Amino acid sequence: MTAPELRAQSFEIAWKYLDLSGLLTGEHTESARFILNRIDRMMLRGERRRLLLSNAAIDAYRLRPALVTLNA
């Protein structure tokens, strides 16, 4: 499997899980960027296990700090 295929499959697994569980919040573009960033960083360190990549992205997304907007 090529790196782009691995990246795409890992993203798809994470995205489907988060979407079906109702955990996707906010702008989908930003959510996708966050998930891909996590997958990319792990792949740069040599990780090639698809489920580990997707599960780590899910966990990171679930634990990310919530963005708070203050209206002044």
PDB file of N, CA and C in Angstrom:
ATOM      1  N   MET A   1       0.841  -1.174   0.000  1.00  0.00           N
ATOM      2  CA  MET A   1       0.000   0.000   0.000  1.00  0.00           C
ATOM      3  C   MET A   1       0.890   1.243   0.000  1.00  0.00           C
ATOM      4  N   THR A   2       0.532   2.200  -0.838  1.00  0.00           N
ATOM      5  CA  THR A   2       1.330   3.426  -0.903  1.00  0.00           C
ATOM      6  C   THR A   2       0.976   4.349   0.263  1.00  0.00           C
ATOM      7  N   ALA A   3       1.844   5.302   0.531  1.00  0.00           N
ATOM      8  CA  ALA A   3       1.602   6.258   1.612  1.00  0.00           C
ATOM      9  C   ALA A   3       0.308   7.052   1.393  1.00  0.00           C
ATOM     10  N   PRO A   4       0.040   7.547   0.170  1.00  0.00           N
ATOM     11  CA  PRO A   4      -1.231   8.260  -0.022  1.00  0.00           C
ATOM     12  C   PRO A   4      -2.467   7.383   0.215  1.00  0.00           C
ATOM     13  N   GLU A   5      -2.383   6.109  -0.166  1.00  0.00           N
ATOM     14  CA  GLU A   5      -3.492   5.190   0.080  1.00  0.00           C
ATOM     15  C   GLU A   5      -3.678   4.952   1.574  1.00  0.00           C
ATOM     16  N   LEU A   6      -2.586   4.765   2.283  1.00  0.00           N
ATOM     17  CA  LEU A   6      -2.635   4.563   3.726  1.00  0.00           C
ATOM     18  C   LEU A   6      -3.238   5.785   4.416  1.00  0.00           C
ATOM     19  N   ARG A   7      -2.793   6.956   4.001  1.00  0.00           N
ATOM     20  CA  ARG A   7      -3.299   8.217   4.568  1.00  0.00           C
ATOM     21  C   ARG A   7      -4.806   8.332   4.324  1.00  0.00           C
ATOM     22  N   ALA A   8      -5.231   8.066   3.092  1.00  0.00           N
ATOM     23  CA  ALA A   8      -6.644   8.185   2.746  1.00  0.00           C
ATOM     24  C   ALA A   8      -7.501   7.181   3.506  1.00  0.00           C
ATOM     25  N   GLN A   9      -7.041   5.952   3.605  1.00  0.00           N
ATOM     26  CA  GLN A   9      -7.813   4.926   4.308  1.00  0.00           C
ATOM     27  C   GLN A   9      -7.896   5.216   5.802  1.00  0.00           C
ATOM     28  N   SER A  10      -6.803   5.671   6.387  1.00  0.00           N
ATOM     29  CA  SER A  10      -6.797   6.008   7.809  1.00  0.00           C
ATOM     30  C   SER A  10      -7.739   7.173   8.081  1.00  0.00           C
ATOM     31  N   PHE A  11      -7.707   8.166   7.207  1.00  0.00           N
ATOM     32  CA  PHE A  11      -8.606   9.307   7.347  1.00  0.00           C
ATOM     33  C   PHE A  11     -10.063   8.861   7.235  1.00  0.00           C
ATOM     34  N   GLU A  12     -10.360   8.036   6.251  1.00  0.00           N
ATOM     35  CA  GLU A  12     -11.731   7.585   6.030  1.00  0.00           C
ATOM     36  C   GLU A  12     -12.278   6.841   7.245  1.00  0.00           C
ATOM     37  N   ILE A  13     -11.462   5.986   7.840  1.00  0.00           N
ATOM     38  CA  ILE A  13     -11.882   5.255   9.040  1.00  0.00           C
ATOM     39  C   ILE A  13     -12.187   6.223  10.172  1.00  0.00           C
ATOM     40  N   ALA A  14     -11.276   7.157  10.416  1.00  0.00           N
ATOM     41  CA  ALA A  14     -11.465   8.122  11.497  1.00  0.00           C
ATOM     42  C   ALA A  14     -12.685   9.001  11.244  1.00  0.00           C
ATOM     43  N   TRP A  15     -12.812   9.496  10.021  1.00  0.00           N
ATOM     44  CA  TRP A  15     -13.919  10.400   9.685  1.00  0.00           C
ATOM     45  C   TRP A  15     -15.270   9.701   9.848  1.00  0.00           C
ATOM     46  N   LYS A  16     -15.381   8.485   9.324  1.00  0.00           N
ATOM     47  CA  LYS A  16     -16.644   7.752   9.426  1.00  0.00           C
ATOM     48  C   LYS A  16     -17.023   7.500  10.881  1.00  0.00           C
ATOM     49  N   TYR A  17     -16.039   7.105  11.682  1.00  0.00           N
ATOM     50  CA  TYR A  17     -16.323   6.851  13.095  1.00  0.00           C
ATOM     51  C   TYR A  17     -16.816   8.125  13.779  1.00  0.00           C
ATOM     52  N   LEU A  18     -16.076   9.222  13.600  1.00  0.00           N
ATOM     53  CA  LEU A  18     -16.448  10.478  14.256  1.00  0.00           C
ATOM     54  C   LEU A  18     -17.798  10.989  13.767  1.00  0.00           C
ATOM     55  N   ASP A  19     -18.055  10.837  12.477  1.00  0.00           N
ATOM     56  CA  ASP A  19     -19.323  11.296  11.916  1.00  0.00           C
ATOM     57  C   ASP A  19     -20.489  10.474  12.443  1.00  0.00           C
ATOM     58  N   LEU A  20     -20.364   9.156  12.379  1.00  0.00           N
ATOM     59  CA  LEU A  20     -21.454   8.284  12.824  1.00  0.00           C
ATOM     60  C   LEU A  20     -21.702   8.369  14.327  1.00  0.00           C
ATOM     61  N   SER A  21     -20.666   8.697  15.089  1.00  0.00           N
ATOM     62  CA  SER A  21     -20.833   8.796  16.538  1.00  0.00           C
ATOM     63  C   SER A  21     -21.317  10.183  16.966  1.00  0.00           C
ATOM     64  N   GLY A  22     -21.415  11.099  16.013  1.00  0.00           N
ATOM     65  CA  GLY A  22     -21.889  12.440  16.338  1.00  0.00           C
ATOM     66  C   GLY A  22     -20.840  13.333  16.969  1.00  0.00           C
ATOM     67  N   LEU A  23     -19.579  12.940  16.885  1.00  0.00           N
ATOM     68  CA  LEU A  23     -18.510  13.709  17.523  1.00  0.00           C
ATOM     69  C   LEU A  23     -17.927  14.810  16.636  1.00  0.00           C
ATOM     70  N   LEU A  24     -18.243  14.792  15.343  1.00  0.00           N
ATOM     71  CA  LEU A  24     -17.736  15.850  14.469  1.00  0.00           C
ATOM     72  C   LEU A  24     -18.464  17.146  14.792  1.00  0.00           C
ATOM     73  N   THR A  25     -17.704  18.161  15.106  1.00  0.00           N
ATOM     74  CA  THR A  25     -18.307  19.442  15.461  1.00  0.00           C
ATOM     75  C   THR A  25     -17.638  20.549  14.660  1.00  0.00           C
ATOM     76  N   GLY A  26     -18.321  21.652  14.543  1.00  0.00           N
ATOM     77  CA  GLY A  26     -17.734  22.811  13.892  1.00  0.00           C
ATOM     78  C   GLY A  26     -17.599  22.640  12.390  1.00  0.00           C
ATOM     79  N   GLU A  27     -16.703  23.404  11.831  1.00  0.00           N
ATOM     80  CA  GLU A  27     -16.439  23.407  10.395  1.00  0.00           C
ATOM     81  C   GLU A  27     -15.765  22.112   9.973  1.00  0.00           C
ATOM     82  N   HIS A  28     -16.330  21.437   8.980  1.00  0.00           N
ATOM     83  CA  HIS A  28     -15.774  20.152   8.545  1.00  0.00           C
ATOM     84  C   HIS A  28     -14.385  20.296   7.939  1.00  0.00           C
ATOM     85  N   THR A  29     -14.103  21.426   7.313  1.00  0.00           N
ATOM     86  CA  THR A  29     -12.769  21.630   6.747  1.00  0.00           C
ATOM     87  C   THR A  29     -11.722  21.640   7.847  1.00  0.00           C
ATOM     88  N   GLU A  30     -12.011  22.328   8.922  1.00  0.00           N
ATOM     89  CA  GLU A  30     -11.073  22.391  10.051  1.00  0.00           C
ATOM     90  C   GLU A  30     -10.932  21.027  10.720  1.00  0.00           C
ATOM     91  N   SER A  31     -12.028  20.308  10.850  1.00  0.00           N
ATOM     92  CA  SER A  31     -11.975  18.968  11.443  1.00  0.00           C
ATOM     93  C   SER A  31     -11.127  18.039  10.582  1.00  0.00           C
ATOM     94  N   ALA A  32     -11.322  18.098   9.270  1.00  0.00           N
ATOM     95  CA  ALA A  32     -10.542  17.256   8.360  1.00  0.00           C
ATOM     96  C   ALA A  32      -9.063  17.594   8.453  1.00  0.00           C
ATOM     97  N   ARG A  33      -8.755  18.879   8.510  1.00  0.00           N
ATOM     98  CA  ARG A  33      -7.357  19.309   8.636  1.00  0.00           C
ATOM     99  C   ARG A  33      -6.731  18.768   9.920  1.00  0.00           C
ATOM    100  N   PHE A  34      -7.469  18.844  11.010  1.00  0.00           N
ATOM    101  CA  PHE A  34      -6.976  18.361  12.302  1.00  0.00           C
ATOM    102  C   PHE A  34      -6.662  16.866  12.233  1.00  0.00           C
ATOM    103  N   ILE A  35      -7.599  16.088  11.690  1.00  0.00           N
ATOM    104  CA  ILE A  35      -7.431  14.637  11.602  1.00  0.00           C
ATOM    105  C   ILE A  35      -6.240  14.285  10.706  1.00  0.00           C
ATOM    106  N   LEU A  36      -6.165  14.914   9.537  1.00  0.00           N
ATOM    107  CA  LEU A  36      -5.060  14.636   8.616  1.00  0.00           C
ATOM    108  C   LEU A  36      -3.718  15.049   9.196  1.00  0.00           C
ATOM    109  N   ASN A  37      -3.695  16.140   9.934  1.00  0.00           N
ATOM    110  CA  ASN A  37      -2.452  16.589  10.564  1.00  0.00           C
ATOM    111  C   ASN A  37      -1.931  15.523  11.520  1.00  0.00           C
ATOM    112  N   ARG A  38      -2.820  14.965  12.305  1.00  0.00           N
ATOM    113  CA  ARG A  38      -2.416  13.913  13.259  1.00  0.00           C
ATOM    114  C   ARG A  38      -1.889  12.679  12.524  1.00  0.00           C
ATOM    115  N   ILE A  39      -2.597  12.263  11.485  1.00  0.00           N
ATOM    116  CA  ILE A  39      -2.173  11.104  10.698  1.00  0.00           C
ATOM    117  C   ILE A  39      -0.818  11.380  10.039  1.00  0.00           C
ATOM    118  N   ASP A  40      -0.683  12.550   9.438  1.00  0.00           N
ATOM    119  CA  ASP A  40       0.569  12.910   8.765  1.00  0.00           C
ATOM    120  C   ASP A  40       1.759  12.907   9.721  1.00  0.00           C
ATOM    121  N   ARG A  41       1.570  13.467  10.904  1.00  0.00           N
ATOM    122  CA  ARG A  41       2.681  13.505  11.870  1.00  0.00           C
ATOM    123  C   ARG A  41       3.123  12.107  12.271  1.00  0.00           C
ATOM    124  N   MET A  42       2.184  11.211  12.451  1.00  0.00           N
ATOM    125  CA  MET A  42       2.539   9.843  12.820  1.00  0.00           C
ATOM    126  C   MET A  42       3.221   9.116  11.661  1.00  0.00           C
ATOM    127  N   MET A  43       2.745   9.365  10.447  1.00  0.00           N
ATOM    128  CA  MET A  43       3.362   8.722   9.285  1.00  0.00           C
ATOM    129  C   MET A  43       4.792   9.234   9.082  1.00  0.00           C
ATOM    130  N   LEU A  44       5.020  10.506   9.358  1.00  0.00           N
ATOM    131  CA  LEU A  44       6.381  11.051   9.243  1.00  0.00           C
ATOM    132  C   LEU A  44       7.336  10.383  10.228  1.00  0.00           C
ATOM    133  N   ARG A  45       6.794   9.899  11.342  1.00  0.00           N
ATOM    134  CA  ARG A  45       7.617   9.189  12.332  1.00  0.00           C
ATOM    135  C   ARG A  45       7.735   7.708  12.018  1.00  0.00           C
ATOM    136  N   GLY A  46       7.120   7.280  10.889  1.00  0.00           N
ATOM    137  CA  GLY A  46       7.307   5.907  10.461  1.00  0.00           C
ATOM    138  C   GLY A  46       6.141   4.959  10.713  1.00  0.00           C
ATOM    139  N   GLU A  47       5.062   5.447  11.293  1.00  0.00           N
ATOM    140  CA  GLU A  47       3.924   4.571  11.573  1.00  0.00           C
ATOM    141  C   GLU A  47       3.230   4.192  10.272  1.00  0.00           C
ATOM    142  N   ARG A  48       2.921   2.902  10.111  1.00  0.00           N
ATOM    143  CA  ARG A  48       2.281   2.411   8.890  1.00  0.00           C
ATOM    144  C   ARG A  48       1.076   1.509   9.183  1.00  0.00           C
ATOM    145  N   ARG A  49       0.682   1.423  10.421  1.00  0.00           N
ATOM    146  CA  ARG A  49      -0.479   0.599  10.769  1.00  0.00           C
ATOM    147  C   ARG A  49      -1.749   1.446  10.667  1.00  0.00           C
ATOM    148  N   ARG A  50      -2.598   1.097   9.731  1.00  0.00           N
ATOM    149  CA  ARG A  50      -3.781   1.884   9.403  1.00  0.00           C
ATOM    150  C   ARG A  50      -4.697   2.112  10.605  1.00  0.00           C
ATOM    151  N   LEU A  51      -4.991   1.081  11.353  1.00  0.00           N
ATOM    152  CA  LEU A  51      -5.902   1.243  12.490  1.00  0.00           C
ATOM    153  C   LEU A  51      -5.276   2.059  13.614  1.00  0.00           C
ATOM    154  N   LEU A  52      -3.994   1.921  13.802  1.00  0.00           N
ATOM    155  CA  LEU A  52      -3.336   2.743  14.817  1.00  0.00           C
ATOM    156  C   LEU A  52      -3.388   4.217  14.414  1.00  0.00           C
ATOM    157  N   LEU A  53      -3.153   4.499  13.131  1.00  0.00           N
ATOM    158  CA  LEU A  53      -3.228   5.873  12.639  1.00  0.00           C
ATOM    159  C   LEU A  53      -4.631   6.451  12.826  1.00  0.00           C
ATOM    160  N   SER A  54      -5.634   5.690  12.437  1.00  0.00           N
ATOM    161  CA  SER A  54      -7.002   6.203  12.545  1.00  0.00           C
ATOM    162  C   SER A  54      -7.445   6.333  13.997  1.00  0.00           C
ATOM    163  N   ASN A  55      -7.117   5.368  14.825  1.00  0.00           N
ATOM    164  CA  ASN A  55      -7.505   5.446  16.239  1.00  0.00           C
ATOM    165  C   ASN A  55      -6.809   6.586  16.960  1.00  0.00           C
ATOM    166  N   ALA A  56      -5.555   6.825  16.648  1.00  0.00           N
ATOM    167  CA  ALA A  56      -4.838   7.945  17.266  1.00  0.00           C
ATOM    168  C   ALA A  56      -5.456   9.277  16.837  1.00  0.00           C
ATOM    169  N   ALA A  57      -5.860   9.371  15.575  1.00  0.00           N
ATOM    170  CA  ALA A  57      -6.507  10.599  15.096  1.00  0.00           C
ATOM    171  C   ALA A  57      -7.854  10.801  15.787  1.00  0.00           C
ATOM    172  N   ILE A  58      -8.602   9.724  15.979  1.00  0.00           N
ATOM    173  CA  ILE A  58      -9.890   9.807  16.689  1.00  0.00           C
ATOM    174  C   ILE A  58      -9.670  10.277  18.116  1.00  0.00           C
ATOM    175  N   ASP A  59      -8.725   9.666  18.806  1.00  0.00           N
ATOM    176  CA  ASP A  59      -8.447  10.046  20.197  1.00  0.00           C
ATOM    177  C   ASP A  59      -8.002  11.501  20.291  1.00  0.00           C
ATOM    178  N   ALA A  60      -7.121  11.920  19.393  1.00  0.00           N
ATOM    179  CA  ALA A  60      -6.650  13.306  19.411  1.00  0.00           C
ATOM    180  C   ALA A  60      -7.807  14.268  19.163  1.00  0.00           C
ATOM    181  N   TYR A  61      -8.688  13.924  18.247  1.00  0.00           N
ATOM    182  CA  TYR A  61      -9.835  14.785  17.948  1.00  0.00           C
ATOM    183  C   TYR A  61     -10.760  14.880  19.155  1.00  0.00           C
ATOM    184  N   ARG A  62     -11.023  13.764  19.776  1.00  0.00           N
ATOM    185  CA  ARG A  62     -11.907  13.751  20.948  1.00  0.00           C
ATOM    186  C   ARG A  62     -11.327  14.534  22.117  1.00  0.00           C
ATOM    187  N   LEU A  63     -10.004  14.546  22.236  1.00  0.00           N
ATOM    188  CA  LEU A  63      -9.363  15.198  23.370  1.00  0.00           C
ATOM    189  C   LEU A  63      -8.861  16.610  23.063  1.00  0.00           C
ATOM    190  N   ARG A  64      -9.068  17.075  21.828  1.00  0.00           N
ATOM    191  CA  ARG A  64      -8.567  18.407  21.473  1.00  0.00           C
ATOM    192  C   ARG A  64      -9.235  19.466  22.329  1.00  0.00           C
ATOM    193  N   PRO A  65      -8.510  20.520  22.609  1.00  0.00           N
ATOM    194  CA  PRO A  65      -9.113  21.593  23.409  1.00  0.00           C
ATOM    195  C   PRO A  65     -10.241  22.259  22.620  1.00  0.00           C
ATOM    196  N   ALA A  66     -11.313  22.522  23.295  1.00  0.00           N
ATOM    197  CA  ALA A  66     -12.422  23.214  22.637  1.00  0.00           C
ATOM    198  C   ALA A  66     -12.043  24.660  22.418  1.00  0.00           C
ATOM    199  N   LEU A  67     -12.356  25.155  21.248  1.00  0.00           N
ATOM    200  CA  LEU A  67     -12.084  26.552  20.943  1.00  0.00           C
ATOM    201  C   LEU A  67     -13.185  27.418  21.522  1.00  0.00           C
ATOM    202  N   VAL A  68     -12.793  28.427  22.268  1.00  0.00           N
ATOM    203  CA  VAL A  68     -13.759  29.319  22.900  1.00  0.00           C
ATOM    204  C   VAL A  68     -13.667  30.675  22.224  1.00  0.00           C
ATOM    205  N   THR A  69     -14.777  31.172  21.774  1.00  0.00           N
ATOM    206  CA  THR A  69     -14.818  32.485  21.168  1.00  0.00           C
ATOM    207  C   THR A  69     -15.440  33.456  22.146  1.00  0.00           C
ATOM    208  N   LEU A  70     -14.699  34.487  22.477  1.00  0.00           N
ATOM    209  CA  LEU A  70     -15.200  35.502  23.382  1.00  0.00           C
ATOM    210  C   LEU A  70     -15.669  36.691  22.570  1.00  0.00           C
ATOM    211  N   ASN A  71     -16.876  37.097  22.786  1.00  0.00           N
ATOM    212  CA  ASN A  71     -17.402  38.288  22.105  1.00  0.00           C
ATOM    213  C   ASN A  71     -17.213  39.486  23.008  1.00  0.00           C
ATOM    214  N   ALA A  72     -16.428  40.448  22.539  1.00  0.00           N
ATOM    215  CA  ALA A  72     -16.157  41.644  23.363  1.00  0.00           C
ATOM    216  C   ALA A  72     -17.110  42.752  23.012  1.00  0.00           C
TER     217      ALA A  72
END
